[in-house]
Protein backbone atom coordinates (compact mmCIF):
# COMPACT_ATOMS: atom_id res chain seq x y z
CA UNK A 1 4.64 11.63 -17.12
CA UNK A 2 5.80 8.30 -18.55
CA UNK A 3 3.79 6.60 -21.25
CA UNK A 4 3.44 3.19 -19.53
CA UNK A 5 -0.19 2.00 -19.24
CA UNK A 6 -1.40 1.73 -15.65
CA UNK A 7 -1.78 -1.99 -15.86
CA UNK A 8 1.56 -3.10 -17.65
CA UNK A 9 4.29 -2.20 -15.32
CA UNK A 10 5.03 -5.38 -13.55
CA UNK A 11 7.78 -7.99 -14.13
CA UNK A 12 6.39 -10.62 -11.67
CA UNK A 13 2.91 -11.99 -11.05
CA UNK A 14 1.43 -14.40 -8.64
CA UNK A 15 0.24 -17.58 -10.47
CA UNK A 16 -3.18 -19.19 -10.56
CA UNK A 17 -5.96 -17.69 -8.43
CA UNK A 18 -3.81 -16.76 -5.39
CA UNK A 19 -3.81 -13.00 -4.77
CA UNK A 20 -2.93 -9.59 -5.88
CA UNK A 21 0.22 -9.18 -7.90
CA UNK A 22 3.02 -9.73 -5.39
CA UNK A 23 5.40 -6.97 -6.50
CA UNK A 24 4.19 -3.38 -6.89
CA UNK A 25 5.48 -0.35 -8.60
CA UNK A 26 6.57 2.20 -5.99
CA UNK A 27 7.78 5.75 -6.33
CA UNK A 28 9.11 8.25 -3.87
CA UNK A 29 11.51 11.18 -4.39
CA UNK A 30 14.40 8.72 -3.90
CA UNK A 31 12.82 5.19 -4.40
CA UNK A 32 12.01 3.79 -7.86
CA UNK A 33 11.01 0.25 -7.81
CA UNK A 34 9.75 -1.24 -11.14
CA UNK A 35 9.50 -4.99 -10.24
CA UNK A 36 11.94 -7.74 -9.56
CA UNK A 37 13.87 -10.63 -11.03
CA UNK A 38 14.90 -12.09 -7.71
CA UNK A 39 14.42 -15.74 -6.97
CA UNK A 40 13.65 -15.09 -3.27
CA UNK A 41 11.37 -12.29 -2.08
CA UNK A 42 11.07 -11.12 1.57
CA UNK A 43 9.50 -8.04 3.12
CA UNK A 44 9.86 -6.19 6.39
CA UNK A 45 9.17 -2.92 8.20
CA UNK A 46 11.14 -0.24 10.07
CA UNK A 47 8.80 0.55 12.86
CA UNK A 48 9.49 4.03 14.15
CA UNK A 49 8.29 6.48 16.87
CA UNK A 50 9.02 9.92 18.26
CA UNK A 51 10.27 9.74 21.88
CA UNK A 52 10.55 13.06 23.60
CA UNK A 53 10.72 14.52 20.20
CA UNK A 54 13.50 12.27 18.95
CA UNK A 55 13.33 9.63 16.21
CA UNK A 56 13.60 6.05 17.38
CA UNK A 57 13.45 2.87 15.41
CA UNK A 58 12.68 -0.73 16.61
CA UNK A 59 15.39 -3.29 16.24
CA UNK A 60 15.10 -7.03 17.13
CA UNK A 61 17.61 -9.71 18.06
CA UNK A 62 17.23 -13.02 16.33
CA UNK A 63 18.79 -15.87 18.46
CA UNK A 64 18.86 -18.27 15.36
CA UNK A 65 21.35 -15.93 13.72
CA UNK A 66 22.57 -14.04 16.80
CA UNK A 67 22.09 -10.82 15.03
CA UNK A 68 20.29 -7.48 15.25
CA UNK A 69 18.00 -6.64 12.46
CA UNK A 70 14.41 -5.46 11.59
CA UNK A 71 11.27 -7.55 11.54
CA UNK A 72 11.30 -9.26 8.07
CA UNK A 73 10.78 -12.57 6.43
CA UNK A 74 9.93 -14.45 3.18
CA UNK A 75 6.56 -14.29 1.45
CA UNK A 76 4.13 -17.05 2.11
CA UNK A 77 2.42 -18.59 -1.01
CA UNK A 78 0.00 -16.26 -2.51
CA UNK A 79 1.06 -13.35 -0.29
CA UNK A 80 1.88 -9.81 -1.46
CA UNK A 81 4.85 -7.87 -0.12
CA UNK A 82 2.81 -5.36 2.02
CA UNK A 83 0.94 -8.38 3.59
CA UNK A 84 4.15 -10.11 4.37
CA UNK A 85 5.68 -7.01 5.95
CA UNK A 86 2.73 -6.63 8.27
CA UNK A 87 2.49 -10.24 9.14
CA UNK A 88 6.19 -10.46 10.01
CA UNK A 89 6.00 -7.53 12.44
CA UNK A 90 2.87 -9.18 13.99
CA UNK A 91 4.63 -12.55 14.31
CA UNK A 92 8.00 -11.31 15.57
CA UNK A 93 7.05 -8.56 17.99
CA UNK A 94 3.33 -8.93 18.48
CA UNK A 95 2.28 -5.55 17.18
CA UNK A 96 -0.11 -4.42 14.44
CA UNK A 97 1.16 -1.71 12.10
CA UNK A 98 -0.01 0.58 9.30
CA UNK A 99 2.40 0.78 6.52
CA UNK A 100 3.80 4.20 5.57
CA UNK A 101 6.52 5.36 3.22
CA UNK A 102 8.25 2.82 0.97
CA UNK A 103 11.89 2.30 1.85
CA UNK A 104 14.80 1.00 -0.34
CA UNK A 105 14.98 -2.62 -1.27
CA UNK A 106 18.02 -4.62 -0.07
CA UNK A 107 19.73 -7.07 -2.22
CA UNK A 108 21.97 -10.08 -1.50
CA UNK A 109 22.33 -13.74 -2.36
CA UNK A 110 21.33 -16.89 -0.54
CA UNK A 111 22.97 -20.11 -1.71
CA UNK A 112 23.74 -18.38 -5.03
CA UNK A 113 20.32 -17.20 -5.54
CA UNK A 114 19.34 -13.47 -5.60
CA UNK A 115 17.16 -12.31 -2.75
CA UNK A 116 15.43 -8.99 -2.15
CA UNK A 117 13.88 -7.57 0.98
CA UNK A 118 11.39 -4.83 0.44
CA UNK A 119 10.90 -2.48 3.38
CA UNK A 120 8.34 0.13 4.51
CA UNK A 121 8.29 2.63 7.34
CA UNK A 122 5.54 1.71 9.77
CA UNK A 123 3.85 3.18 12.89
CA UNK A 124 2.52 0.74 15.46
CA UNK A 125 -1.30 0.96 15.45
CA UNK A 126 -1.97 -1.61 18.20
CA UNK A 127 0.00 -3.54 20.70
CA UNK A 128 3.32 -3.09 22.53
CA UNK A 129 6.36 -4.64 20.88
CA UNK A 130 7.71 -7.64 22.64
CA UNK A 131 9.83 -10.68 21.56
CA UNK A 132 7.88 -13.79 20.49
CA UNK A 133 10.39 -15.95 22.23
CA UNK A 134 11.23 -17.94 19.10
CA UNK A 135 12.41 -15.93 16.18
CA UNK A 136 12.99 -12.96 18.44
CA UNK A 137 14.31 -12.90 21.97
CA UNK A 138 14.90 -9.12 22.45
CA UNK A 139 13.48 -5.88 21.08
CA UNK A 140 14.72 -2.36 21.62
CA UNK A 141 13.68 1.32 20.67
CA UNK A 142 16.96 3.09 19.71
CA UNK A 143 18.03 6.12 17.94
CA UNK A 144 19.24 5.84 14.29
CA UNK A 145 22.85 6.29 15.47
CA UNK A 146 22.48 3.48 17.97
CA UNK A 147 20.84 1.35 15.29
CA UNK A 148 23.76 1.76 12.98
CA UNK A 149 26.07 0.38 15.60
CA UNK A 150 23.78 -2.55 16.49
CA UNK A 151 22.70 -3.75 13.07
CA UNK A 152 24.57 -6.85 11.97
CA UNK A 153 23.98 -6.44 8.15
CA UNK A 154 25.34 -3.43 6.31
CA UNK A 155 22.41 -3.74 3.88
CA UNK A 156 20.03 -2.83 6.68
CA UNK A 157 21.79 0.64 6.95
CA UNK A 158 20.26 1.56 3.56
CA UNK A 159 16.56 1.62 4.60
CA UNK A 160 17.58 3.13 7.89
CA UNK A 161 19.24 6.10 6.39
CA UNK A 162 16.18 6.71 4.18
CA UNK A 163 13.96 6.58 7.26
CA UNK A 164 16.13 9.29 8.90
CA UNK A 165 16.12 11.37 5.69
CA UNK A 166 12.32 11.16 5.51
CA UNK A 167 12.13 12.33 9.10
CA UNK A 168 14.42 15.29 8.51
CA UNK A 169 12.40 16.28 5.40
CA UNK A 170 9.08 16.08 7.29
CA UNK A 171 7.97 13.20 5.16
CA UNK A 172 7.97 10.35 7.51
CA UNK A 173 4.61 10.84 9.29
CA UNK A 174 2.04 10.05 6.70
CA UNK A 175 -1.42 8.65 6.16
CA UNK A 176 -2.60 6.58 3.24
CA UNK A 177 -5.02 7.77 0.48
CA UNK A 178 -6.21 4.82 -1.57
CA UNK A 179 -7.98 4.75 -4.92
CA UNK A 180 -9.55 1.44 -5.77
CA UNK A 181 -11.19 0.50 -9.08
CA UNK A 182 -14.05 -1.98 -8.48
CA UNK A 183 -13.15 -5.64 -9.16
CA UNK A 184 -14.17 -7.50 -12.32
CA UNK A 185 -17.94 -7.11 -13.02
CA UNK A 186 -20.29 -9.04 -15.20
CA UNK A 187 -19.91 -7.89 -18.83
CA UNK A 188 -22.14 -4.90 -19.87
CA UNK A 189 -23.07 -6.90 -22.95
CA UNK A 190 -24.71 -9.69 -20.92
CA UNK A 191 -26.55 -7.40 -18.47
CA UNK A 192 -29.97 -6.08 -19.35
CA UNK A 193 -31.09 -4.52 -16.21
CA UNK A 194 -30.08 -1.26 -14.48
CA UNK A 195 -26.32 -0.46 -14.93
CA UNK A 196 -26.20 0.54 -11.20
CA UNK A 197 -27.25 -3.10 -10.25
CA UNK A 198 -24.60 -4.87 -12.32
CA UNK A 199 -22.72 -7.09 -9.87
CA UNK A 200 -19.28 -8.59 -9.72
CA UNK A 201 -18.32 -11.68 -11.73
CA UNK A 202 -16.98 -14.75 -10.04
CA UNK A 203 -13.38 -13.58 -10.57
CA UNK A 204 -14.42 -10.14 -9.24
CA UNK A 205 -15.60 -11.74 -6.00
CA UNK A 206 -12.38 -13.54 -5.53
CA UNK A 207 -10.42 -10.30 -6.32
CA UNK A 208 -12.55 -8.53 -3.65
CA UNK A 209 -11.23 -10.99 -0.97
CA UNK A 210 -7.63 -10.32 -2.11
CA UNK A 211 -8.23 -6.61 -1.92
CA UNK A 212 -9.45 -6.95 1.59
CA UNK A 213 -6.19 -8.71 2.63
CA UNK A 214 -4.07 -6.04 0.87
CA UNK A 215 -5.92 -3.15 2.38
CA UNK A 216 -5.23 -4.36 5.78
CA UNK A 217 -1.66 -3.32 5.33
CA UNK A 218 -2.83 0.36 5.27
CA UNK A 219 -5.93 0.09 7.36
CA UNK A 220 -7.99 2.96 5.72
CA UNK A 221 -10.65 4.14 8.03
CA UNK A 222 -12.73 6.75 5.91
CA UNK A 223 -14.28 4.81 3.21
CA UNK A 224 -16.02 6.64 0.27
CA UNK A 225 -17.66 4.41 -2.36
CA UNK A 226 -20.01 4.55 -5.43
CA UNK A 227 -23.31 3.11 -4.35
CA UNK A 228 -23.45 1.01 -7.47
CA UNK A 229 -23.44 -2.63 -6.74
CA UNK A 230 -20.10 -3.68 -8.21
CA UNK A 231 -18.27 -0.97 -6.12
CA UNK A 232 -20.17 -1.95 -2.94
CA UNK A 233 -19.42 -5.57 -3.40
CA UNK A 234 -15.59 -4.95 -4.01
CA UNK A 235 -15.24 -3.15 -0.56
CA UNK A 236 -17.73 -5.33 1.30
CA UNK A 237 -15.18 -7.86 2.61
CA UNK A 238 -12.95 -5.21 4.02
CA UNK A 239 -15.99 -3.43 5.57
CA UNK A 240 -17.33 -6.59 7.14
CA UNK A 241 -14.06 -7.73 8.63
CA UNK A 242 -12.98 -4.37 10.04
CA UNK A 243 -16.48 -3.04 10.79
CA UNK A 244 -15.68 0.44 9.32
CA UNK A 245 -18.54 2.75 8.39
CA UNK A 246 -18.79 3.26 4.70
CA UNK A 247 -20.24 6.36 3.00
CA UNK A 248 -21.79 5.84 -0.36
CA UNK A 249 -21.26 8.89 -2.63
CA UNK A 250 -23.47 9.40 -5.74
CA UNK A 251 -20.62 11.74 -7.01
CA UNK A 252 -18.47 8.66 -7.57
CA UNK A 253 -20.80 6.91 -9.86
CA UNK A 254 -20.35 6.86 -13.61
CA UNK A 255 -23.55 8.81 -14.30
CA UNK A 256 -23.02 11.67 -11.78
CA UNK A 257 -19.23 12.04 -12.70
CA UNK A 258 -20.30 12.42 -16.35
CA UNK A 259 -23.08 14.85 -15.57
CA UNK A 260 -21.37 16.86 -12.82
CA UNK A 261 -17.66 16.23 -12.93
CA UNK A 262 -16.99 19.26 -10.56
CA UNK A 263 -18.91 17.50 -7.82
CA UNK A 264 -16.72 14.45 -8.30
CA UNK A 265 -13.65 16.53 -8.15
CA UNK A 266 -14.95 18.24 -4.92
CA UNK A 267 -15.52 14.86 -3.31
CA UNK A 268 -12.00 13.75 -3.92
CA UNK A 269 -10.58 17.09 -2.85
CA UNK A 270 -12.51 16.88 0.49
CA UNK A 271 -11.12 13.40 1.22
CA UNK A 272 -7.57 14.57 0.50
CA UNK A 273 -8.00 17.66 2.68
CA UNK A 274 -9.00 15.51 5.67
CA UNK A 275 -5.48 14.03 5.80
CA UNK A 276 -6.70 10.74 7.28
CA UNK A 277 -6.45 7.14 6.30
CA UNK A 278 -8.90 7.14 3.43
CA UNK A 279 -10.17 5.08 0.42
CA UNK A 280 -12.24 5.92 -2.65
CA UNK A 281 -13.74 3.05 -4.50
CA UNK A 282 -15.13 3.93 -8.03
CA UNK A 283 -15.33 3.10 -11.76
CA UNK A 284 -13.00 3.17 -14.67
CA UNK A 285 -14.74 6.30 -16.37
CA UNK A 286 -14.46 8.16 -13.08
CA UNK A 287 -10.67 7.38 -12.64
CA UNK A 288 -9.46 10.31 -14.82
CA UNK A 289 -11.22 12.89 -12.45
CA UNK A 290 -9.97 11.15 -9.33
CA UNK A 291 -6.36 10.81 -10.43
CA UNK A 292 -6.34 14.34 -11.85
CA UNK A 293 -7.19 15.78 -8.34
CA UNK A 294 -4.69 13.33 -6.75
CA UNK A 295 -1.96 14.72 -9.11
CA UNK A 296 -2.60 18.25 -7.75
CA UNK A 297 -1.34 17.05 -4.29
CA UNK A 298 1.99 15.71 -5.74
CA UNK A 299 4.81 18.26 -5.90
CA UNK A 300 7.73 16.04 -6.95
CA UNK A 301 8.14 14.85 -10.48
CA UNK A 302 9.81 11.70 -9.27
CA UNK A 303 6.53 10.72 -7.64
CA UNK A 304 3.98 12.05 -10.29
CA UNK A 305 5.65 9.98 -12.95
CA UNK A 306 4.04 6.84 -11.40
CA UNK A 307 0.42 8.02 -11.91
CA UNK A 308 -1.38 6.08 -14.54
CA UNK A 309 -2.76 8.45 -17.21
CA UNK A 310 -3.94 6.19 -20.10
CA UNK A 311 -7.32 4.36 -20.42
CA UNK A 312 -8.11 2.03 -18.52
CA UNK A 313 -5.86 3.64 -15.94
CA UNK A 314 -6.23 0.67 -13.53
CA UNK A 315 -7.31 -2.87 -14.11
CA UNK A 316 -10.44 -4.04 -12.38
CA UNK A 317 -9.60 -4.57 -8.62
CA UNK A 318 -6.25 -2.56 -8.84
CA UNK A 319 -5.36 0.11 -6.27
CA UNK A 320 -3.21 3.19 -6.05
CA UNK A 321 -1.75 3.93 -2.63
CA UNK A 322 -0.60 7.54 -2.06
CA UNK A 323 1.04 8.60 1.27
CA UNK A 324 0.10 12.01 2.42
CA UNK A 325 2.73 13.78 4.55
CA UNK A 326 0.99 15.04 7.59
CA UNK A 327 3.76 17.70 8.27
CA UNK A 328 3.70 18.81 4.71
CA UNK A 329 0.09 19.93 4.57
CA UNK A 330 -1.03 16.66 3.01
CA UNK A 331 1.35 16.51 0.13
CA UNK A 332 1.39 13.13 -1.63
CA UNK A 333 5.10 12.01 -1.23
CA UNK A 334 4.83 8.43 -2.57
CA UNK A 335 2.69 6.30 -4.88
CA UNK A 336 2.30 2.47 -5.01
CA UNK A 337 0.29 0.59 -7.58
CA UNK A 338 -0.94 -3.03 -7.10
CA UNK A 339 -2.61 -5.23 -9.79
CA UNK A 340 -4.98 -8.09 -9.20
CA UNK A 341 -4.82 -11.55 -10.57
CA UNK A 342 -6.77 -12.50 -13.77
CA UNK A 343 -8.37 -15.85 -14.38
C-alpha cells in the first residue's frame, strides 16, 4: 500500500462551509484518479441495463448542441461530483440512479480553459428515462456498438469502452459498501460525562447534512451504526430523509472493539457477505478493524493501494465507498474516498 495518509490525498477542496470535498480519490483496476487541476468540473453517468441478456446503455440527444451524449453537466456551487452526476440524470431524463463503478474522466478545453467530466456507471433505481423537453429531446437504450456510432464526441467513447470491459469481466453489476467515520464531535477534553453521550460539535452537525446529500448518490439501505451519540447524530439526517431502518451495533463502539475485536470483525464480515447496499458508521479507533476486513475482499493491488492505513485513517465525517461485484462473489472492485469540509 502507498504511504499517503487517508486525509491528505486531494488537490481541490470546496471553500467555506459548502459541502464535502468536491473531488474524490478513485481507484479501480484501470482508473486512478488523484484529484484535479481543471478550471471547469462536470459529472455524468452511463446508465446501463441488461436487455434480453445484452448490455445496453442510455444515450440522449441534446437539441441545443444537436448531439448525442450521456447525461452530464457542470457542478452547482457547493456540490460534489457524485451529487452532480445523480442530479444531471434526474434533470435530463427524469430517473433516479444509484452510482456504481467509477469510469474514466474525459478531458477537453472550453474557451481555452481545461474541463473535466467525471463519470460513473449507474443503474436506474426509480423512474423510466424520458426526455425533459428542454436539455434533452430524445433518449434511447442502445448497444455499445450502436452508441459508438451515435456519440458525437470521441471523448465519450472512453467511458463507454470501460463500461463494456467491466461488463465482460463481471465487474459492472455492483452494490456499494460504505464506511463512515462520525462527523466532528465536541472535544474529549471538554466533555466530563459518559463518552457514549459525547455529541457532535456545530461543525459536525453541518458535516452530517453534507454526508446525507453525498450518501444519496449510493442510496445504502442496510445501515449499521455505533449506538454512541456522535455516530447516531452523523447518520440521522440520512435516516430521517430516506426513512431507512438503522441497526445500532455495540460491536462498532470504541469500548467493545477494544475489548472484543473479533466481534467487530465479525460484524463487518457479515455486512460484506450480504452483498447489499450497506453502510457502517463508527469511530476512529475502530477503523483499523473495519478497513482490515474490507481489505480481505479486495483482490487487485490497483484497488487496495487506495485503502487508508495510517492513523487517523479518515477525517471526521469522511467516507470510503467500496463497490462489491455481485457476479464476483462480493469482491470489492473499486474504492472512492471523500473528505468533509473543515471550519
